């Protein structure tokens, strides 16, 4: 498990994230009912930006996501979009990862 994945599990348990009542299975493929944090189903950098905004921590991934969006010529930078959604208490459609 990467440091980013460990941070996401820790941040998921923060009260500001828990207040949204999101089940772990929205973001992780569970190992079994006692171990809900298996493999990530969504892009971890996007989830990091979402959680960081909710708990008021600086994001380590926002600049990288924004740079990738800028290179693609996206209308709105991805990191900014995710942070804006989090500030409005919305859950954006996160990029799915297939392992």
N, C-alpha and C. Protein backbone atom coordinates (compact mmCIF):
# COMPACT_ATOMS: atom_id res chain seq x y z
N UNK A 1 0.85 -1.18 0.00
CA UNK A 1 0.00 0.00 0.00
C UNK A 1 0.89 1.24 0.00
N UNK A 2 0.58 2.17 -0.87
CA UNK A 2 1.40 3.38 -0.99
C UNK A 2 1.12 4.36 0.15
N UNK A 3 2.00 5.31 0.31
CA UNK A 3 1.81 6.35 1.33
C UNK A 3 0.54 7.15 1.04
N UNK A 4 0.26 7.40 -0.23
CA UNK A 4 -0.95 8.13 -0.60
C UNK A 4 -2.19 7.35 -0.19
N UNK A 5 -2.20 6.05 -0.44
CA UNK A 5 -3.36 5.23 -0.06
C UNK A 5 -3.54 5.20 1.46
N UNK A 6 -2.44 5.13 2.20
CA UNK A 6 -2.52 5.17 3.66
C UNK A 6 -3.10 6.50 4.13
N UNK A 7 -2.66 7.58 3.50
CA UNK A 7 -3.18 8.91 3.87
C UNK A 7 -4.67 9.00 3.57
N UNK A 8 -5.10 8.45 2.46
CA UNK A 8 -6.52 8.50 2.10
C UNK A 8 -7.38 7.75 3.11
N UNK A 9 -6.91 6.61 3.57
CA UNK A 9 -7.65 5.86 4.59
C UNK A 9 -7.73 6.67 5.87
N UNK A 10 -6.62 7.28 6.26
CA UNK A 10 -6.59 8.10 7.48
C UNK A 10 -7.54 9.30 7.33
N UNK A 11 -7.48 9.97 6.18
CA UNK A 11 -8.33 11.14 5.96
C UNK A 11 -9.80 10.75 5.83
N UNK A 12 -10.09 9.58 5.29
CA UNK A 12 -11.48 9.12 5.18
C UNK A 12 -12.13 9.07 6.56
N UNK A 13 -11.34 8.77 7.57
CA UNK A 13 -11.86 8.63 8.93
C UNK A 13 -11.98 9.95 9.68
N UNK A 14 -11.59 11.05 9.05
CA UNK A 14 -11.73 12.38 9.66
C UNK A 14 -13.21 12.76 9.76
N UNK A 15 -13.61 13.46 10.84
CA UNK A 15 -15.01 13.84 11.00
C UNK A 15 -15.59 14.63 9.83
N UNK A 16 -14.80 15.50 9.21
CA UNK A 16 -15.31 16.30 8.09
C UNK A 16 -15.67 15.44 6.89
N UNK A 17 -14.99 14.33 6.70
CA UNK A 17 -15.32 13.40 5.61
C UNK A 17 -16.45 12.48 6.04
N UNK A 18 -16.38 11.98 7.27
CA UNK A 18 -17.41 11.10 7.79
C UNK A 18 -18.79 11.76 7.82
N UNK A 19 -18.82 13.07 7.96
CA UNK A 19 -20.09 13.81 8.01
C UNK A 19 -20.91 13.63 6.73
N UNK A 20 -20.26 13.22 5.64
CA UNK A 20 -20.97 13.04 4.37
C UNK A 20 -21.62 11.66 4.24
N UNK A 21 -21.33 10.78 5.19
CA UNK A 21 -21.91 9.42 5.20
C UNK A 21 -21.61 8.63 3.93
N UNK A 22 -20.44 8.84 3.36
CA UNK A 22 -20.04 8.08 2.19
C UNK A 22 -19.49 6.74 2.65
N UNK A 23 -20.00 5.67 2.08
CA UNK A 23 -19.51 4.33 2.39
C UNK A 23 -18.13 4.13 1.76
N UNK A 24 -17.25 3.39 2.42
CA UNK A 24 -15.93 3.13 1.83
C UNK A 24 -16.01 2.49 0.44
N UNK A 25 -17.06 1.71 0.20
CA UNK A 25 -17.16 1.02 -1.09
C UNK A 25 -17.38 1.96 -2.27
N UNK A 26 -17.66 3.24 -1.99
CA UNK A 26 -17.70 4.23 -3.08
C UNK A 26 -16.31 4.41 -3.69
N UNK A 27 -15.29 4.25 -2.86
CA UNK A 27 -13.93 4.56 -3.27
C UNK A 27 -12.99 3.35 -3.29
N UNK A 28 -13.29 2.33 -2.46
CA UNK A 28 -12.43 1.15 -2.35
C UNK A 28 -13.21 -0.12 -2.65
N UNK A 29 -12.52 -1.08 -3.24
CA UNK A 29 -13.09 -2.42 -3.39
C UNK A 29 -12.74 -3.17 -2.12
N UNK A 30 -13.76 -3.55 -1.36
CA UNK A 30 -13.49 -4.15 -0.05
C UNK A 30 -12.89 -5.55 -0.18
N UNK A 31 -12.07 -5.88 0.82
CA UNK A 31 -11.49 -7.21 0.90
C UNK A 31 -12.57 -8.17 1.39
N UNK A 32 -13.21 -7.79 2.49
CA UNK A 32 -14.39 -8.47 3.03
C UNK A 32 -15.10 -7.48 3.94
N UNK A 33 -16.18 -7.89 4.59
CA UNK A 33 -16.97 -6.95 5.38
C UNK A 33 -16.21 -6.36 6.56
N UNK A 34 -15.19 -7.06 7.04
CA UNK A 34 -14.40 -6.54 8.15
C UNK A 34 -13.25 -5.66 7.69
N UNK A 35 -12.93 -5.69 6.40
CA UNK A 35 -11.82 -4.92 5.83
C UNK A 35 -12.30 -4.13 4.62
N UNK A 36 -12.93 -2.97 4.85
CA UNK A 36 -13.53 -2.23 3.73
C UNK A 36 -12.51 -1.52 2.84
N UNK A 37 -11.28 -1.35 3.31
CA UNK A 37 -10.28 -0.60 2.54
C UNK A 37 -9.36 -1.56 1.78
N UNK A 38 -9.83 -2.03 0.66
CA UNK A 38 -9.02 -2.90 -0.19
C UNK A 38 -8.30 -2.08 -1.23
N UNK A 39 -8.54 -2.37 -2.49
CA UNK A 39 -7.91 -1.61 -3.56
C UNK A 39 -8.79 -0.43 -3.96
N UNK A 40 -8.16 0.65 -4.33
CA UNK A 40 -8.90 1.84 -4.73
C UNK A 40 -9.61 1.62 -6.05
N UNK A 41 -10.85 2.11 -6.12
CA UNK A 41 -11.63 2.03 -7.36
C UNK A 41 -11.56 3.34 -8.14
N UNK A 42 -11.05 4.38 -7.50
CA UNK A 42 -10.99 5.70 -8.13
C UNK A 42 -9.56 6.22 -8.14
N UNK A 43 -9.31 7.21 -8.98
CA UNK A 43 -7.99 7.84 -9.09
C UNK A 43 -7.59 8.42 -7.73
N UNK A 44 -6.52 7.91 -7.10
CA UNK A 44 -6.16 8.35 -5.75
C UNK A 44 -5.83 9.84 -5.64
N UNK A 45 -5.25 10.42 -6.67
CA UNK A 45 -4.91 11.85 -6.60
C UNK A 45 -6.17 12.70 -6.56
N UNK A 46 -7.20 12.28 -7.29
CA UNK A 46 -8.46 13.02 -7.27
C UNK A 46 -9.12 12.92 -5.89
N UNK A 47 -9.09 11.72 -5.31
CA UNK A 47 -9.66 11.54 -3.98
C UNK A 47 -8.89 12.34 -2.94
N UNK A 48 -7.58 12.44 -3.11
CA UNK A 48 -6.75 13.23 -2.19
C UNK A 48 -7.15 14.70 -2.23
N UNK A 49 -7.40 15.24 -3.42
CA UNK A 49 -7.82 16.64 -3.54
C UNK A 49 -9.18 16.83 -2.87
N UNK A 50 -10.10 15.92 -3.10
CA UNK A 50 -11.44 16.00 -2.51
C UNK A 50 -11.36 15.99 -0.99
N UNK A 51 -10.66 14.99 -0.43
CA UNK A 51 -10.55 14.88 1.03
C UNK A 51 -9.77 16.05 1.63
N UNK A 52 -8.69 16.47 0.98
CA UNK A 52 -7.89 17.59 1.50
C UNK A 52 -8.75 18.84 1.63
N UNK A 53 -9.57 19.11 0.63
CA UNK A 53 -10.43 20.29 0.68
C UNK A 53 -11.43 20.18 1.81
N UNK A 54 -12.01 19.00 1.98
CA UNK A 54 -13.02 18.82 3.03
C UNK A 54 -12.45 19.00 4.43
N UNK A 55 -11.22 18.54 4.65
CA UNK A 55 -10.66 18.62 6.00
C UNK A 55 -9.76 19.84 6.20
N UNK A 56 -9.61 20.64 5.16
CA UNK A 56 -8.84 21.87 5.29
C UNK A 56 -7.34 21.68 5.31
N UNK A 57 -6.86 20.65 4.66
CA UNK A 57 -5.42 20.38 4.56
C UNK A 57 -4.94 20.78 3.17
N UNK A 58 -3.67 21.15 3.03
CA UNK A 58 -3.15 21.43 1.69
C UNK A 58 -3.05 20.13 0.88
N UNK A 59 -3.42 20.20 -0.37
CA UNK A 59 -3.37 19.03 -1.25
C UNK A 59 -1.99 18.91 -1.88
N UNK A 60 -1.47 17.70 -1.90
CA UNK A 60 -0.19 17.43 -2.55
C UNK A 60 -0.38 17.09 -4.03
N UNK A 61 -1.61 16.87 -4.45
CA UNK A 61 -1.88 16.38 -5.81
C UNK A 61 -2.57 17.39 -6.71
N UNK A 62 -3.08 18.47 -6.16
CA UNK A 62 -3.85 19.42 -6.96
C UNK A 62 -3.03 20.02 -8.10
N UNK A 63 -1.82 20.45 -7.83
CA UNK A 63 -1.00 21.08 -8.86
C UNK A 63 -0.73 20.11 -10.02
N UNK A 64 -0.48 18.86 -9.69
CA UNK A 64 -0.22 17.86 -10.73
C UNK A 64 -1.46 17.62 -11.59
N UNK A 65 -2.62 17.50 -10.95
CA UNK A 65 -3.87 17.32 -11.72
C UNK A 65 -4.16 18.53 -12.59
N UNK A 66 -3.94 19.72 -12.03
CA UNK A 66 -4.18 20.95 -12.80
C UNK A 66 -3.23 21.05 -13.99
N UNK A 67 -1.97 20.67 -13.80
CA UNK A 67 -1.00 20.72 -14.90
C UNK A 67 -1.40 19.76 -16.02
N UNK A 68 -1.85 18.56 -15.66
CA UNK A 68 -2.31 17.60 -16.67
C UNK A 68 -3.52 18.14 -17.43
N UNK A 69 -4.44 18.77 -16.72
CA UNK A 69 -5.62 19.36 -17.36
C UNK A 69 -5.23 20.48 -18.31
N UNK A 70 -4.27 21.27 -17.90
CA UNK A 70 -3.83 22.40 -18.73
C UNK A 70 -3.20 21.89 -20.02
N UNK A 71 -2.42 20.83 -19.93
CA UNK A 71 -1.79 20.25 -21.11
C UNK A 71 -2.86 19.73 -22.08
N UNK A 72 -3.92 19.12 -21.53
CA UNK A 72 -5.00 18.60 -22.37
C UNK A 72 -5.88 19.72 -22.93
N UNK A 73 -5.80 20.90 -22.33
CA UNK A 73 -6.63 22.01 -22.77
C UNK A 73 -8.05 21.95 -22.23
N UNK A 74 -8.22 21.33 -21.06
CA UNK A 74 -9.54 21.22 -20.46
C UNK A 74 -10.13 22.59 -20.17
N UNK A 75 -11.45 22.67 -20.21
CA UNK A 75 -12.16 23.91 -19.93
C UNK A 75 -11.89 24.38 -18.50
N UNK A 76 -11.95 23.45 -17.54
CA UNK A 76 -11.67 23.77 -16.14
C UNK A 76 -10.61 22.79 -15.65
N UNK A 77 -9.68 23.30 -14.88
CA UNK A 77 -8.61 22.45 -14.36
C UNK A 77 -9.20 21.44 -13.38
N UNK A 78 -8.78 20.18 -13.50
CA UNK A 78 -9.38 19.08 -12.74
C UNK A 78 -9.27 19.27 -11.23
N UNK A 79 -8.11 19.63 -10.74
CA UNK A 79 -7.94 19.83 -9.30
C UNK A 79 -8.84 20.94 -8.78
N UNK A 80 -8.92 22.04 -9.52
CA UNK A 80 -9.80 23.15 -9.13
C UNK A 80 -11.25 22.71 -9.13
N UNK A 81 -11.65 21.93 -10.13
CA UNK A 81 -13.02 21.43 -10.23
C UNK A 81 -13.37 20.56 -9.02
N UNK A 82 -12.47 19.64 -8.66
CA UNK A 82 -12.72 18.75 -7.53
C UNK A 82 -12.82 19.53 -6.23
N UNK A 83 -11.94 20.51 -6.04
CA UNK A 83 -11.97 21.33 -4.83
C UNK A 83 -13.25 22.16 -4.76
N UNK A 84 -13.69 22.70 -5.90
CA UNK A 84 -14.94 23.47 -5.92
C UNK A 84 -16.13 22.59 -5.55
N UNK A 85 -16.16 21.37 -6.05
CA UNK A 85 -17.22 20.44 -5.70
C UNK A 85 -17.21 20.15 -4.20
N UNK A 86 -16.03 19.92 -3.65
CA UNK A 86 -15.92 19.62 -2.22
C UNK A 86 -16.41 20.79 -1.38
N UNK A 87 -16.08 22.01 -1.79
CA UNK A 87 -16.53 23.18 -1.03
C UNK A 87 -18.05 23.32 -1.06
N UNK A 88 -18.68 22.82 -2.12
CA UNK A 88 -20.15 22.84 -2.22
C UNK A 88 -20.78 21.59 -1.62
N UNK A 89 -19.96 20.74 -0.99
CA UNK A 89 -20.41 19.48 -0.39
C UNK A 89 -21.05 18.56 -1.41
N UNK A 90 -20.50 18.56 -2.61
CA UNK A 90 -20.95 17.68 -3.68
C UNK A 90 -19.90 16.59 -3.90
N UNK A 91 -20.36 15.44 -4.36
CA UNK A 91 -19.45 14.36 -4.71
C UNK A 91 -19.35 14.32 -6.23
N UNK A 92 -18.22 14.74 -6.80
CA UNK A 92 -18.07 14.73 -8.25
C UNK A 92 -17.85 13.31 -8.77
N UNK A 93 -18.02 13.14 -10.04
CA UNK A 93 -17.70 11.86 -10.67
C UNK A 93 -16.18 11.75 -10.73
N UNK A 94 -15.64 10.79 -10.00
CA UNK A 94 -14.19 10.59 -9.95
C UNK A 94 -13.78 9.60 -11.04
N UNK A 95 -12.57 9.73 -11.52
CA UNK A 95 -12.06 8.85 -12.56
C UNK A 95 -11.88 7.44 -12.01
N UNK A 96 -12.45 6.48 -12.67
CA UNK A 96 -12.38 5.08 -12.26
C UNK A 96 -11.02 4.50 -12.66
N UNK A 97 -10.45 3.69 -11.78
CA UNK A 97 -9.22 2.97 -12.12
C UNK A 97 -9.55 1.48 -12.18
N UNK A 98 -8.96 0.82 -13.14
CA UNK A 98 -9.19 -0.62 -13.31
C UNK A 98 -7.87 -1.33 -13.08
N UNK A 99 -7.88 -2.22 -12.10
CA UNK A 99 -6.65 -2.95 -11.77
C UNK A 99 -6.75 -4.40 -12.15
